[in-house]
Protein backbone atom coordinates (compact mmCIF):
# COMPACT_ATOMS: atom_id res chain seq x y z
CA MET A 1 -231.33 -79.71 96.24
CA ALA A 2 -229.60 -77.52 93.81
CA ALA A 3 -231.70 -74.41 94.50
CA ASP A 4 -229.45 -72.23 92.45
CA ALA A 5 -229.81 -74.38 89.30
CA GLU A 6 -233.73 -74.44 89.74
CA VAL A 7 -233.77 -70.58 90.10
CA SER A 8 -231.47 -70.08 87.21
CA LEU A 9 -233.57 -72.26 84.95
CA ALA A 10 -236.92 -70.88 86.14
CA LEU A 11 -235.80 -67.22 85.73
CA ARG A 12 -233.66 -67.78 82.53
CA GLU A 13 -230.70 -66.00 84.14
CA PRO A 14 -226.98 -66.94 84.65
CA LEU A 15 -226.22 -69.33 87.53
CA ARG A 16 -224.16 -66.51 89.34
CA CYS A 17 -227.16 -64.23 89.30
CA ALA A 18 -229.46 -66.96 90.71
CA GLN A 19 -226.73 -67.59 93.51
CA ASN A 20 -226.72 -63.84 94.28
CA ARG A 21 -230.43 -63.77 94.42
CA ILE A 22 -230.62 -66.60 96.93
CA HIS A 23 -227.87 -65.12 99.02
CA ARG A 24 -230.05 -61.92 99.11
CA ALA A 25 -233.13 -63.65 100.15
CA LEU A 26 -231.23 -65.59 102.97
CA ARG A 27 -229.70 -62.32 104.30
CA LEU A 28 -233.14 -60.61 104.26
CA ARG A 29 -234.92 -63.56 106.01
CA THR A 30 -232.17 -64.07 108.75
CA LEU A 31 -230.38 -60.77 109.33
CA LEU A 32 -232.28 -58.06 107.67
CA PRO A 33 -236.07 -58.61 108.41
CA ALA A 34 -236.91 -54.89 108.63
CA PHE A 35 -235.60 -54.38 105.09
CA LYS A 36 -237.60 -57.40 104.04
CA ARG A 37 -240.94 -55.90 105.53
CA ALA A 38 -240.20 -52.53 103.94
CA PHE A 39 -239.78 -54.25 100.56
CA HIS A 40 -243.11 -56.16 101.07
CA ARG A 41 -244.80 -52.80 101.99
CA GLY A 42 -243.30 -51.15 98.77
CA ASP A 43 -241.21 -48.72 100.80
CA LEU A 44 -238.05 -50.19 99.14
CA SER A 45 -237.68 -51.31 95.53
CA ASP A 46 -235.98 -54.47 94.43
CA TYR A 47 -232.86 -52.40 93.49
CA ASP A 48 -232.99 -50.64 96.78
CA VAL A 49 -232.88 -53.96 98.68
CA THR A 50 -230.09 -55.26 96.41
CA GLN A 51 -227.88 -52.20 97.34
CA LEU A 52 -228.62 -52.35 101.04
CA VAL A 53 -227.86 -56.06 101.18
CA GLU A 54 -224.49 -55.44 99.58
CA ALA A 55 -223.77 -52.43 101.66
CA THR A 56 -224.32 -54.46 104.79
CA SER A 57 -222.60 -57.70 103.79
CA CYS A 58 -219.47 -57.19 105.84
CA THR A 59 -221.00 -58.02 109.09
CA ASP A 60 -223.23 -60.49 110.52
CA ASP A 61 -223.80 -58.98 113.97
CA PRO A 62 -227.55 -58.76 114.57
CA GLU A 63 -227.43 -55.76 117.04
CA THR A 64 -225.40 -53.78 114.52
CA LEU A 65 -227.58 -54.60 111.69
CA ALA A 66 -230.71 -53.81 113.55
CA ARG A 67 -229.34 -50.26 114.24
CA VAL A 68 -228.59 -49.87 110.61
CA GLN A 69 -232.04 -50.92 109.55
CA GLU A 70 -233.83 -48.75 112.02
CA SER A 71 -231.83 -45.61 111.12
CA THR A 72 -232.05 -46.21 107.33
CA LEU A 73 -235.81 -46.89 107.18
CA GLY A 74 -236.35 -44.04 109.63
CA ASN A 75 -234.64 -41.53 107.05
CA LEU A 76 -236.26 -42.59 103.83
CA ARG A 77 -236.88 -39.40 101.90
CA GLY A 78 -237.03 -40.70 98.33
CA GLN A 79 -233.45 -41.39 98.01
CA SER A 80 -232.09 -43.61 95.30
CA GLY A 81 -230.79 -47.09 95.80
CA SER A 82 -227.18 -45.77 95.47
CA GLU A 83 -227.86 -43.03 98.05
CA LEU A 84 -229.26 -45.58 100.42
CA ARG A 85 -226.19 -47.72 99.89
CA ARG A 86 -223.95 -44.90 100.77
CA TYR A 87 -226.01 -44.02 103.86
CA ALA A 88 -225.94 -47.47 105.12
CA ARG A 89 -222.27 -47.95 104.75
CA ARG A 90 -221.42 -44.66 106.43
CA LEU A 91 -223.55 -45.67 109.24
CA LEU A 92 -222.11 -49.00 109.52
CA ASP A 93 -218.64 -47.67 109.46
CA ARG A 94 -219.47 -45.57 112.45
CA LEU A 95 -221.01 -48.45 114.30
CA ASP A 96 -218.45 -51.07 113.34
CA PRO A 97 -215.22 -49.31 112.26
CA ALA A 98 -213.62 -52.71 111.48
CA ALA A 99 -216.29 -53.29 108.86
CA ALA A 100 -214.72 -50.86 106.40
CA LEU A 101 -211.49 -52.61 106.80
CA ARG A 102 -213.05 -55.99 106.23
CA ARG A 103 -214.75 -54.69 103.13
CA ALA A 104 -211.56 -53.17 101.70
CA ARG A 105 -209.63 -56.52 102.27
CA LYS A 106 -212.40 -58.47 100.62
CA ALA A 107 -212.62 -56.09 97.60
CA ARG A 108 -208.88 -56.31 97.18
CA SER A 109 -208.98 -60.17 97.34
CA GLU A 110 -211.61 -60.12 94.52
CA ALA A 111 -209.33 -58.00 92.14
CA ASP A 112 -209.38 -59.27 88.51
CA VAL A 113 -209.12 -58.37 84.92
CA THR A 114 -211.79 -59.52 82.47
CA LEU A 115 -212.31 -59.48 78.72
CA HIS A 116 -215.74 -58.51 77.32
CA PRO A 117 -216.03 -59.12 73.54
CA GLY A 118 -217.79 -56.44 71.63
CA GLU A 119 -218.75 -55.94 67.96
CA ASP A 120 -216.94 -54.86 64.92
CA GLY A 121 -213.70 -56.59 66.04
CA MET A 122 -213.54 -54.74 69.37
CA ALA A 123 -213.53 -55.84 72.90
CA SER A 124 -213.20 -54.29 76.27
CA ILE A 125 -210.68 -54.97 78.94
CA VAL A 126 -212.07 -54.23 82.51
CA THR A 127 -209.69 -54.18 85.41
CA ASP A 128 -211.11 -54.11 89.10
CA GLN A 129 -208.12 -53.36 91.39
CA PRO A 130 -206.88 -51.13 94.17
CA VAL A 131 -207.22 -47.50 93.52
CA GLU A 132 -203.51 -46.73 93.81
CA ASP A 133 -202.68 -49.30 91.16
CA ALA A 134 -205.38 -48.13 88.84
CA MET A 135 -204.06 -44.58 89.10
CA ILE A 136 -200.66 -45.55 88.24
CA ILE A 137 -201.75 -47.35 85.10
CA LYS A 138 -204.09 -44.54 83.98
CA ALA A 139 -201.31 -41.97 84.57
CA ALA A 140 -198.81 -44.05 82.54
CA VAL A 141 -201.38 -44.53 79.75
CA ASP A 142 -202.14 -40.93 79.74
CA ALA A 143 -198.55 -39.83 79.60
CA LYS A 144 -197.77 -42.06 76.69
CA ALA A 145 -200.89 -40.83 74.84
CA ILE A 146 -200.28 -37.13 75.46
CA THR A 147 -196.63 -37.44 74.53
CA ALA A 148 -197.57 -38.95 71.12
CA LYS A 149 -200.31 -36.36 70.57
CA GLN A 150 -198.03 -33.34 71.28
CA ALA A 151 -195.56 -34.79 68.82
CA GLY A 152 -198.24 -34.50 66.11
CA ASP A 153 -199.94 -37.97 66.07
CA PRO A 154 -203.10 -37.33 64.40
CA ARG A 155 -205.11 -40.27 65.81
CA PRO A 156 -207.73 -39.68 68.67
CA ILE A 157 -206.44 -39.50 72.19
CA GLY A 158 -208.51 -42.53 72.97
CA VAL A 159 -206.77 -44.61 70.17
CA LEU A 160 -203.36 -43.48 71.50
CA ARG A 161 -204.33 -44.58 75.17
CA ALA A 162 -205.24 -47.92 73.80
CA LYS A 163 -201.97 -48.27 72.03
CA ALA A 164 -200.10 -47.16 75.10
CA LEU A 165 -201.77 -49.79 77.24
CA THR A 166 -200.76 -52.45 74.81
CA GLN A 167 -197.16 -51.27 74.91
CA LEU A 168 -197.05 -51.49 78.75
CA CYS A 169 -198.26 -55.12 78.45
CA ALA A 170 -195.39 -55.74 75.81
CA TYR A 171 -192.69 -54.36 77.99
CA PRO A 172 -193.98 -55.17 81.56
CA THR A 173 -190.93 -53.76 83.36
CA SER A 174 -188.29 -51.16 82.74
CA LEU A 175 -185.94 -51.81 79.85
CA GLY A 176 -182.95 -50.73 82.02
CA PRO A 177 -180.49 -53.63 82.52
CA ALA A 178 -181.43 -55.85 85.51
CA SER A 179 -184.25 -53.35 86.55
CA GLN A 180 -187.40 -54.78 88.02
CA VAL A 181 -189.38 -51.48 88.10
CA ARG A 182 -192.84 -52.03 86.76
CA ALA A 183 -193.44 -50.22 83.40
CA GLU A 184 -196.30 -48.07 84.74
CA ARG A 185 -193.78 -46.63 87.31
CA CYS A 186 -191.28 -45.73 84.52
CA ASP A 187 -190.64 -42.71 82.24
CA VAL A 188 -191.68 -42.97 78.70
CA ASP A 189 -188.47 -42.63 76.81
CA HIS A 190 -187.55 -42.42 73.00
CA PHE A 191 -185.37 -45.24 71.74
CA ASP A 192 -183.89 -42.80 69.14
CA GLU A 193 -183.55 -39.44 70.91
CA TRP A 194 -186.03 -36.80 70.11
CA PRO A 195 -186.23 -34.72 67.97
CA ASP A 196 -184.44 -37.06 65.57
CA GLY A 197 -186.50 -39.93 66.86
CA ALA A 198 -190.29 -39.66 66.24
CA THR A 199 -192.66 -39.89 69.24
CA ILE A 200 -194.46 -42.94 68.05
CA GLU A 201 -195.30 -46.30 69.74
CA THR A 202 -192.53 -48.08 67.95
CA ASN A 203 -189.99 -45.62 69.15
CA LEU A 204 -191.18 -45.43 72.93
CA GLY A 205 -190.44 -47.65 75.92
CA PRO A 206 -190.40 -47.79 79.66
CA PHE A 207 -187.07 -46.74 81.51
CA ASP A 208 -187.02 -46.17 85.19
CA ARG A 209 -185.63 -42.81 86.11
CA PRO A 210 -181.91 -43.75 86.88
CA TRP A 211 -181.64 -45.63 83.56
CA HIS A 212 -183.36 -42.92 81.71
CA ASN A 213 -180.96 -40.31 83.05
CA ARG A 214 -177.91 -42.59 82.00
CA LYS A 215 -179.26 -43.04 78.50
CA THR A 216 -179.91 -39.28 78.26
CA ARG A 217 -176.22 -38.57 79.35
CA GLY A 218 -174.90 -41.07 76.87
CA SER A 219 -173.84 -43.82 79.17
CA LEU A 220 -175.82 -46.30 76.95
CA THR A 221 -177.45 -46.61 73.62
CA VAL A 222 -180.67 -48.21 72.58
CA THR A 223 -181.71 -50.00 69.30
CA VAL A 224 -184.89 -51.75 68.48
CA ASP A 225 -185.53 -54.08 65.65
CA ASP A 226 -188.60 -54.90 63.51
CA SER A 227 -189.82 -57.55 66.10
CA GLY A 228 -189.79 -54.97 68.88
CA ALA A 229 -186.72 -56.47 70.58
CA VAL A 230 -184.78 -53.75 72.38
CA THR A 231 -181.06 -53.89 72.84
CA VAL A 232 -179.27 -51.65 75.40
CA THR A 233 -175.58 -51.26 74.93
CA THR A 234 -173.18 -49.66 77.48
CA VAL A 235 -170.17 -47.50 76.50
CA LEU A 236 -167.95 -50.65 77.15
CA GLY A 237 -169.94 -52.60 74.77
CA GLN A 238 -171.94 -54.71 77.21
CA THR A 239 -175.43 -55.55 75.86
CA ARG A 240 -178.68 -56.53 77.12
CA THR A 241 -181.83 -57.41 74.76
CA VAL A 242 -185.43 -57.47 75.94
CA THR A 243 -188.03 -59.00 73.65
CA PRO A 244 -191.69 -58.06 73.92
CA TYR A 245 -193.49 -60.45 76.18
CA ASP A 246 -195.05 -63.26 74.25
CA TYR A 247 -198.60 -63.98 75.33
CA SER A 248 -199.26 -66.70 72.74
CA PRO A 249 -198.32 -69.64 75.05
CA HIS A 250 -201.23 -68.55 77.26
CA LEU A 251 -203.88 -68.63 74.45
CA ASP A 252 -205.80 -71.74 73.61
CA PRO A 253 -203.88 -73.73 70.99
CA SER A 254 -205.50 -74.36 67.63
CA PRO A 255 -207.54 -77.56 67.65
CA THR A 256 -205.57 -80.53 66.09
CA ALA A 257 -207.10 -83.53 64.33
CA SER A 258 -206.91 -85.56 67.54
CA ASP A 259 -208.88 -82.64 69.36
CA GLU A 260 -211.64 -82.57 66.94
CA PRO A 261 -214.95 -84.13 68.25
CA LYS A 262 -215.46 -87.62 67.03
CA ASP A 263 -218.75 -88.77 65.45
CA PRO A 264 -221.14 -89.85 68.17
CA GLU A 265 -221.62 -93.69 68.32
CA PRO A 266 -224.92 -94.90 66.77
CA PRO A 267 -227.80 -95.33 69.41
CA PRO A 268 -228.22 -98.79 70.66
CA PHE A 269 -231.49 -99.46 68.74
């Protein structure tokens, strides 16, 4: 029996939501009976129970879970669901120190980037990733945006951050010859040196610190064409050209005549 499909249709909710609902019910019935009884009494709300099930999902040890339930329910003082979740997690970490490590490993294994279409030609990119990686990207985006703003770009800082993120994707690594340093770990450098070169997105690119220093000292020159292709030239005339990463092969191709749905066959009557 496909219980998730039945629940999804009955409650008119996405299949994943139905699956989560079933998972929560099974955890409450088999491993968290005290939380289940508290929910039936009205001591815990539906949101409270959801938060507590998620907070304790990293262990199936009955004794540990029994102690978490007893302590949590014994300290109910009108806390919000989020506060109960944090309390249960801290308690579980003390009772089972390995639980925090398992939870962190599980979270990292589920890292992802998702696109959420919006309105008025806009969309949101949401990334769920290790905090150290997220901080690197945010710092790089802020640095690019602040550099442009200080140079006089009149656009809002949020618009400059969005443009900076797009540029990081166009040049995923340093533009220095043979460098494999990721763009978010690089300096934001002017192709045409400032102050002659403007601080605008088409005149900025990622260079790791050693190559940035050599460019500043005149060991190489950089040119960029209208397509965004960047050519680095050394004093001896050696060149390396980097083109912006082309994401079009990863997009769905336009439908062809052979891909178009055919007229359905007439019914057999």
